[in-house]
């Protein structure tokens, strides 16, 4: 059974496109990355998954149930972290987590909340008004995960976190995923998806460009060679590098070319020629995404970045609305 199934999902604002004909599935226990630049439609899609925004068309199923009216039984199995979190500034962290636990019918001491807060070095005795951006994000993470949901939906979860806390956060997510938790991870930081996720969906201007396994993206099978040979000068034609890559070039004393397929013959050629220095690289996920983005840049989709703004006021209202729904169960 899929944790998330989205078919033909669309959202229009008059003649403007929020997202259009979006299709993807997330299998149970998967770490699924959802990436794109700001204004691409990531948050719009997430808001529809969380029933905070009504679709113009299409179908969404979460944990095997098609979304329609209110689904409190499904919501109790989901953890949601919006891109910006906002709580009552007069409450301290402990009170926020206690209230959130009660919304799920739980006692805080019976959740993972206190343990996660300690791991993320979050002082729960301080009032929300005294929290920095990073500490507010930590509080949101704890609230999202403390009830051990089957599915977590994370929108830009690492913004505001320092590198050490980010490292611990990914360790925590990995542990929970190994225990069966499904993770939907939306971000514009491609390196995070590359190191953490199993599959990734690229979205731009409300349209999916591709959905692929990170380790099976065709472009990542290409190796970029940068070679400084012992012999000086341009050796492209003499060594036949132009047969390996018609775009092979010689710059600043180095030969640069790309190869797909087995690299053993290339390494043998280099060894026979004699090498002073050698670098072999795979294209990063960011390079692949930027290539996709450039290819589709000329596509004429009615769209505006303002539609997808994740402004604080909007997110505040939606985060409170989600928590209010929890309390109504």
Protein backbone atom coordinates (compact mmCIF):
# COMPACT_ATOMS: atom_id res chain seq x y z
CA UNK A 1 0.00 0.00 0.00
CA UNK A 2 1.24 3.48 -0.86
CA UNK A 3 1.64 6.04 1.89
CA UNK A 4 0.81 8.82 -0.59
CA UNK A 5 -0.88 8.58 -3.97
CA UNK A 6 -1.50 11.72 -6.02
CA UNK A 7 -3.28 11.59 -9.38
CA UNK A 8 -4.03 14.52 -11.68
CA UNK A 9 -3.67 16.97 -8.80
CA UNK A 10 -4.32 20.56 -9.89
CA UNK A 11 -4.84 23.89 -8.20
CA UNK A 12 -5.80 27.03 -10.10
CA UNK A 13 -6.16 30.61 -8.92
CA UNK A 14 -8.37 32.04 -11.64
CA UNK A 15 -6.29 31.65 -14.78
CA UNK A 16 -3.08 31.18 -12.83
CA UNK A 17 -1.63 27.74 -12.26
CA UNK A 18 -0.71 26.66 -8.76
CA UNK A 19 0.03 23.05 -9.73
CA UNK A 20 -1.32 21.14 -12.70
CA UNK A 21 -1.78 17.41 -13.37
CA UNK A 22 0.69 16.32 -10.72
CA UNK A 23 1.07 12.54 -10.38
CA UNK A 24 3.31 10.64 -7.98
CA UNK A 25 3.25 7.91 -5.35
CA UNK A 26 5.26 7.44 -2.17
CA UNK A 27 5.56 3.87 -0.95
CA UNK A 28 5.35 3.02 2.72
CA UNK A 29 8.71 3.29 4.43
CA UNK A 30 10.19 5.46 1.69
CA UNK A 31 12.23 8.65 2.00
CA UNK A 32 10.81 10.79 -0.79
CA UNK A 33 12.31 14.12 -1.80
CA UNK A 34 10.20 16.89 -3.32
CA UNK A 35 12.41 19.62 -4.68
CA UNK A 36 12.15 22.80 -6.67
CA UNK A 37 12.93 26.50 -6.49
CA UNK A 38 10.85 28.87 -4.41
CA UNK A 39 7.45 29.34 -6.06
CA UNK A 40 7.56 25.96 -7.82
CA UNK A 41 4.42 24.57 -6.19
CA UNK A 42 5.94 22.54 -3.36
CA UNK A 43 4.03 24.18 -0.51
CA UNK A 44 0.82 24.31 -2.56
CA UNK A 45 1.02 20.55 -3.03
CA UNK A 46 1.75 19.97 0.65
CA UNK A 47 -1.16 22.15 1.75
CA UNK A 48 -3.49 20.04 -0.37
CA UNK A 49 -2.02 16.85 1.13
CA UNK A 50 -2.74 18.29 4.58
CA UNK A 51 -6.30 19.36 3.62
CA UNK A 52 -5.40 22.97 4.24
CA UNK A 53 -6.10 23.85 0.63
CA UNK A 54 -8.87 22.44 -1.57
CA UNK A 55 -7.71 21.04 -4.95
CA UNK A 56 -9.24 22.28 -8.19
CA UNK A 57 -9.01 18.74 -9.50
CA UNK A 58 -7.42 15.35 -9.03
CA UNK A 59 -7.30 12.81 -6.25
CA UNK A 60 -5.19 12.33 -3.13
CA UNK A 61 -4.92 9.16 -1.06
CA UNK A 62 -3.02 9.02 2.21
CA UNK A 63 -2.27 5.75 3.98
CA UNK A 64 -4.75 3.94 1.77
CA UNK A 65 -7.69 6.32 2.20
CA UNK A 66 -8.91 8.81 -0.40
CA UNK A 67 -9.20 12.32 0.99
CA UNK A 68 -12.61 13.90 0.84
CA UNK A 69 -14.20 15.53 3.83
CA UNK A 70 -12.53 15.69 7.23
CA UNK A 71 -10.37 12.63 7.93
CA UNK A 72 -9.36 12.82 11.62
CA UNK A 73 -8.41 9.12 11.71
CA UNK A 74 -5.86 9.71 8.95
CA UNK A 75 -4.59 12.98 10.41
CA UNK A 76 -3.77 11.28 13.69
CA UNK A 77 -1.25 9.11 11.82
CA UNK A 78 0.51 12.05 10.16
CA UNK A 79 3.12 14.50 11.38
CA UNK A 80 3.30 17.85 9.59
CA UNK A 81 6.01 20.51 9.74
CA UNK A 82 5.23 23.67 7.74
CA UNK A 83 8.03 25.81 6.38
CA UNK A 84 7.43 28.34 9.15
CA UNK A 85 5.95 27.52 12.54
CA UNK A 86 4.16 29.83 14.91
CA UNK A 87 2.93 29.17 18.45
CA UNK A 88 1.42 31.14 21.29
CA UNK A 89 4.32 33.35 22.35
CA UNK A 90 3.26 33.22 26.02
CA UNK A 91 3.64 29.42 26.19
CA UNK A 92 6.91 27.71 26.87
CA UNK A 93 8.19 24.79 24.82
CA UNK A 94 6.99 22.19 27.33
CA UNK A 95 3.46 23.61 27.30
CA UNK A 96 3.36 23.60 23.49
CA UNK A 97 4.37 19.95 23.32
CA UNK A 98 1.96 18.99 26.09
CA UNK A 99 -0.89 20.68 24.21
CA UNK A 100 0.13 19.00 20.94
CA UNK A 101 0.28 15.59 22.64
CA UNK A 102 -3.20 16.08 24.10
CA UNK A 103 -4.49 16.87 20.60
CA UNK A 104 -3.54 13.28 19.73
CA UNK A 105 -5.02 11.93 22.95
CA UNK A 106 -1.59 11.33 24.47
CA UNK A 107 0.30 12.30 27.59
CA UNK A 108 3.56 14.08 26.76
CA UNK A 109 5.59 11.71 28.93
CA UNK A 110 4.33 8.80 26.80
CA UNK A 111 5.63 10.36 23.56
CA UNK A 112 9.11 10.83 22.14
CA UNK A 113 8.85 14.59 22.64
CA UNK A 114 11.19 15.02 25.61
CA UNK A 115 13.77 12.65 24.12
CA UNK A 116 13.80 14.44 20.76
CA UNK A 117 14.00 17.85 22.43
CA UNK A 118 17.09 16.70 24.32
CA UNK A 119 18.71 15.36 21.16
CA UNK A 120 18.08 18.65 19.37
CA UNK A 121 19.34 20.64 22.39
CA UNK A 122 16.04 22.48 22.82
CA UNK A 123 15.39 24.17 26.18
CA UNK A 124 11.68 23.53 26.80
CA UNK A 125 11.54 25.84 29.83
CA UNK A 126 11.89 28.99 27.71
CA UNK A 127 8.91 30.85 26.32
CA UNK A 128 8.27 30.75 22.59
CA UNK A 129 8.78 34.54 22.37
CA UNK A 130 12.37 34.02 23.51
CA UNK A 131 13.14 31.33 20.94
CA UNK A 132 15.35 32.07 17.97
CA UNK A 133 14.25 31.01 14.48
CA UNK A 134 16.27 27.84 14.87
CA UNK A 135 14.73 26.96 18.22
CA UNK A 136 11.22 27.54 16.88
CA UNK A 137 12.05 25.15 14.05
CA UNK A 138 13.33 22.61 16.59
CA UNK A 139 10.05 22.91 18.50
CA UNK A 140 8.13 22.32 15.27
CA UNK A 141 10.20 19.23 14.53
CA UNK A 142 9.57 17.78 17.99
CA UNK A 143 5.83 18.48 17.73
CA UNK A 144 5.75 16.86 14.29
CA UNK A 145 7.51 13.65 15.35
CA UNK A 146 6.66 13.12 19.02
CA UNK A 147 3.53 10.98 18.48
CA UNK A 148 5.41 8.53 16.18
CA UNK A 149 3.32 9.14 13.06
CA UNK A 150 3.29 6.64 10.21
CA UNK A 151 3.84 9.45 7.70
CA UNK A 152 5.67 12.75 8.18
CA UNK A 153 5.44 15.66 5.76
CA UNK A 154 8.32 18.11 6.15
CA UNK A 155 8.39 21.47 4.37
CA UNK A 156 11.88 23.04 4.42
CA UNK A 157 12.71 21.35 7.75
CA UNK A 158 16.36 22.38 8.07
CA UNK A 159 16.01 26.14 7.57
CA UNK A 160 17.35 27.90 10.65
CA UNK A 161 19.16 24.85 12.03
CA UNK A 162 22.91 24.98 12.58
CA UNK A 163 25.04 22.25 10.92
CA UNK A 164 25.47 20.13 14.07
CA UNK A 165 21.73 20.09 14.75
CA UNK A 166 21.04 19.32 11.08
CA UNK A 167 23.34 16.31 11.38
CA UNK A 168 21.50 15.05 14.47
CA UNK A 169 18.15 15.73 12.79
CA UNK A 170 19.06 13.52 9.82
CA UNK A 171 20.31 10.82 12.19
CA UNK A 172 16.93 10.95 13.93
CA UNK A 173 15.00 10.76 10.66
CA UNK A 174 17.09 7.81 9.52
CA UNK A 175 16.39 5.93 12.75
CA UNK A 176 12.64 6.58 12.52
CA UNK A 177 12.61 5.58 8.86
CA UNK A 178 14.35 2.31 9.72
CA UNK A 179 11.50 1.70 12.16
CA UNK A 180 8.99 2.08 9.32
CA UNK A 181 8.17 5.79 9.19
CA UNK A 182 7.50 7.23 5.72
CA UNK A 183 9.15 10.60 5.12
CA UNK A 184 8.04 13.20 2.56
CA UNK A 185 10.84 15.74 2.46
CA UNK A 186 10.27 19.02 0.62
CA UNK A 187 13.22 21.37 0.18
CA UNK A 188 15.15 23.57 -2.21
CA UNK A 189 18.48 22.33 -0.79
CA UNK A 190 19.32 19.63 -3.29
CA UNK A 191 22.33 18.28 -1.41
CA UNK A 192 20.02 17.22 1.43
CA UNK A 193 17.86 15.17 -0.91
CA UNK A 194 20.91 13.67 -2.58
CA UNK A 195 22.33 12.30 0.65
CA UNK A 196 19.09 11.32 2.37
CA UNK A 197 16.24 10.38 0.00
CA UNK A 198 15.49 7.20 -1.95
CA UNK A 199 13.53 8.89 -4.73
CA UNK A 200 13.09 12.48 -5.78
CA UNK A 201 10.49 14.49 -7.69
CA UNK A 202 11.53 17.68 -9.49
CA UNK A 203 8.81 20.33 -9.72
CA UNK A 204 8.92 23.63 -11.61
CA UNK A 205 6.15 26.19 -12.16
CA UNK A 206 3.54 23.74 -10.92
CA UNK A 207 4.54 20.88 -13.21
CA UNK A 208 6.54 17.76 -12.37
CA UNK A 209 9.66 17.48 -14.51
CA UNK A 210 10.57 13.96 -13.41
CA UNK A 211 10.34 11.40 -10.59
CA UNK A 212 13.42 9.18 -10.24
CA UNK A 213 15.42 7.09 -7.83
CA UNK A 214 18.35 9.20 -6.75
CA UNK A 215 20.82 6.40 -7.46
CA UNK A 216 19.31 5.63 -10.88
CA UNK A 217 19.11 9.09 -12.43
CA UNK A 218 20.61 8.50 -15.85
CA UNK A 219 22.79 11.62 -15.82
CA UNK A 220 24.48 10.42 -12.63
CA UNK A 221 25.91 7.46 -14.56
CA UNK A 222 28.05 9.93 -16.49
CA UNK A 223 31.59 10.54 -15.24
CA UNK A 224 33.38 13.81 -15.78
CA UNK A 225 37.13 13.37 -16.21
CA UNK A 226 39.59 16.20 -15.60
CA UNK A 227 43.11 15.08 -16.53
CA UNK A 228 46.56 16.67 -16.51
CA UNK A 229 48.82 14.46 -18.64
CA UNK A 230 52.58 14.23 -18.25
CA UNK A 231 52.95 15.33 -21.85
CA UNK A 232 52.22 19.01 -22.27
CA UNK A 233 49.79 20.52 -24.77
CA UNK A 234 46.42 19.62 -26.29
CA UNK A 235 46.25 15.83 -26.70
CA UNK A 236 42.53 15.52 -27.55
CA UNK A 237 43.01 14.32 -31.11
CA UNK A 238 46.19 12.32 -30.57
CA UNK A 239 44.67 10.30 -27.73
CA UNK A 240 41.22 10.12 -29.32
CA UNK A 241 39.46 11.89 -26.47
CA UNK A 242 37.12 13.46 -29.02
CA UNK A 243 35.89 9.95 -29.80
CA UNK A 244 34.97 9.46 -26.17
CA UNK A 245 33.29 12.87 -25.97
CA UNK A 246 32.76 15.11 -28.99
CA UNK A 247 32.70 18.07 -26.59
CA UNK A 248 36.08 17.25 -25.00
CA UNK A 249 38.07 20.40 -24.29
CA UNK A 250 41.52 21.53 -23.22
CA UNK A 251 41.67 24.38 -20.69
CA UNK A 252 44.49 25.69 -18.49
CA UNK A 253 46.62 22.60 -19.03
CA UNK A 254 43.79 20.15 -18.27
CA UNK A 255 41.73 17.89 -20.55
CA UNK A 256 38.03 17.76 -19.64
CA UNK A 257 35.64 15.18 -21.06
CA UNK A 258 32.64 13.05 -20.06
CA UNK A 259 32.12 9.31 -20.40
CA UNK A 260 29.09 7.10 -19.86
CA UNK A 261 29.29 3.34 -19.44
CA UNK A 262 32.27 1.29 -18.24
CA UNK A 263 35.31 3.37 -17.29
CA UNK A 264 37.93 0.60 -17.30
CA UNK A 265 38.97 1.25 -20.94
CA UNK A 266 39.27 4.97 -20.20
CA UNK A 267 41.46 4.34 -17.16
CA UNK A 268 43.68 2.05 -19.22
CA UNK A 269 44.04 4.73 -21.91
CA UNK A 270 45.00 7.29 -19.28
CA UNK A 271 47.49 4.92 -17.65
CA UNK A 272 49.16 4.23 -20.98
CA UNK A 273 49.40 7.94 -21.75
CA UNK A 274 50.82 8.88 -18.33
CA UNK A 275 48.95 11.13 -15.89
CA UNK A 276 50.13 13.77 -13.44
CA UNK A 277 46.69 14.49 -11.96
CA UNK A 278 43.19 13.04 -12.33
CA UNK A 279 39.72 13.88 -11.03
CA UNK A 280 36.64 11.78 -11.74
CA UNK A 281 33.26 13.24 -10.73
CA UNK A 282 29.59 12.45 -11.10
CA UNK A 283 27.16 15.30 -11.81
CA UNK A 284 25.52 16.47 -8.61
CA UNK A 285 21.76 16.42 -8.20
CA UNK A 286 21.88 20.20 -8.31
CA UNK A 287 23.59 20.19 -11.71
CA UNK A 288 21.00 17.74 -13.06
CA UNK A 289 18.13 19.80 -11.69
CA UNK A 290 19.52 23.00 -13.17
CA UNK A 291 19.82 21.26 -16.53
CA UNK A 292 16.17 20.16 -16.31
CA UNK A 293 15.20 23.66 -15.24
CA UNK A 294 17.00 25.21 -18.22
CA UNK A 295 15.45 22.77 -20.70
CA UNK A 296 11.94 23.60 -19.48
CA UNK A 297 12.60 27.31 -19.01
CA UNK A 298 10.96 28.18 -22.32
CA UNK A 299 7.71 26.39 -21.52
CA UNK A 300 4.86 28.84 -21.32
CA UNK A 301 2.88 28.01 -18.18
CA UNK A 302 0.59 30.69 -16.71
CA UNK A 303 2.16 31.06 -13.29
CA UNK A 304 3.14 33.60 -10.71
CA UNK A 305 5.57 33.29 -7.83
CA UNK A 306 3.27 35.28 -5.58
CA UNK A 307 0.72 32.46 -5.62
CA UNK A 308 3.17 30.12 -3.94
CA UNK A 309 4.39 32.55 -1.32
CA UNK A 310 5.00 30.85 2.01
CA UNK A 311 4.54 34.13 3.82
CA UNK A 312 4.44 34.05 7.58
CA UNK A 313 0.79 35.09 7.87
CA UNK A 314 -0.41 32.29 5.59
CA UNK A 315 1.65 29.64 7.30
CA UNK A 316 0.65 30.85 10.76
CA UNK A 317 -3.04 30.45 9.90
CA UNK A 318 -2.54 27.02 8.33
CA UNK A 319 -0.41 25.67 11.19
CA UNK A 320 -2.99 26.78 13.76
CA UNK A 321 -5.77 25.33 11.56
CA UNK A 322 -4.01 21.95 11.42
CA UNK A 323 -3.58 21.89 15.20
CA UNK A 324 -7.19 22.99 15.75
CA UNK A 325 -8.36 20.05 13.65
CA UNK A 326 -6.27 17.72 15.81
CA UNK A 327 -7.93 19.06 18.94
CA UNK A 328 -11.39 18.45 17.50
CA UNK A 329 -10.88 14.68 17.23
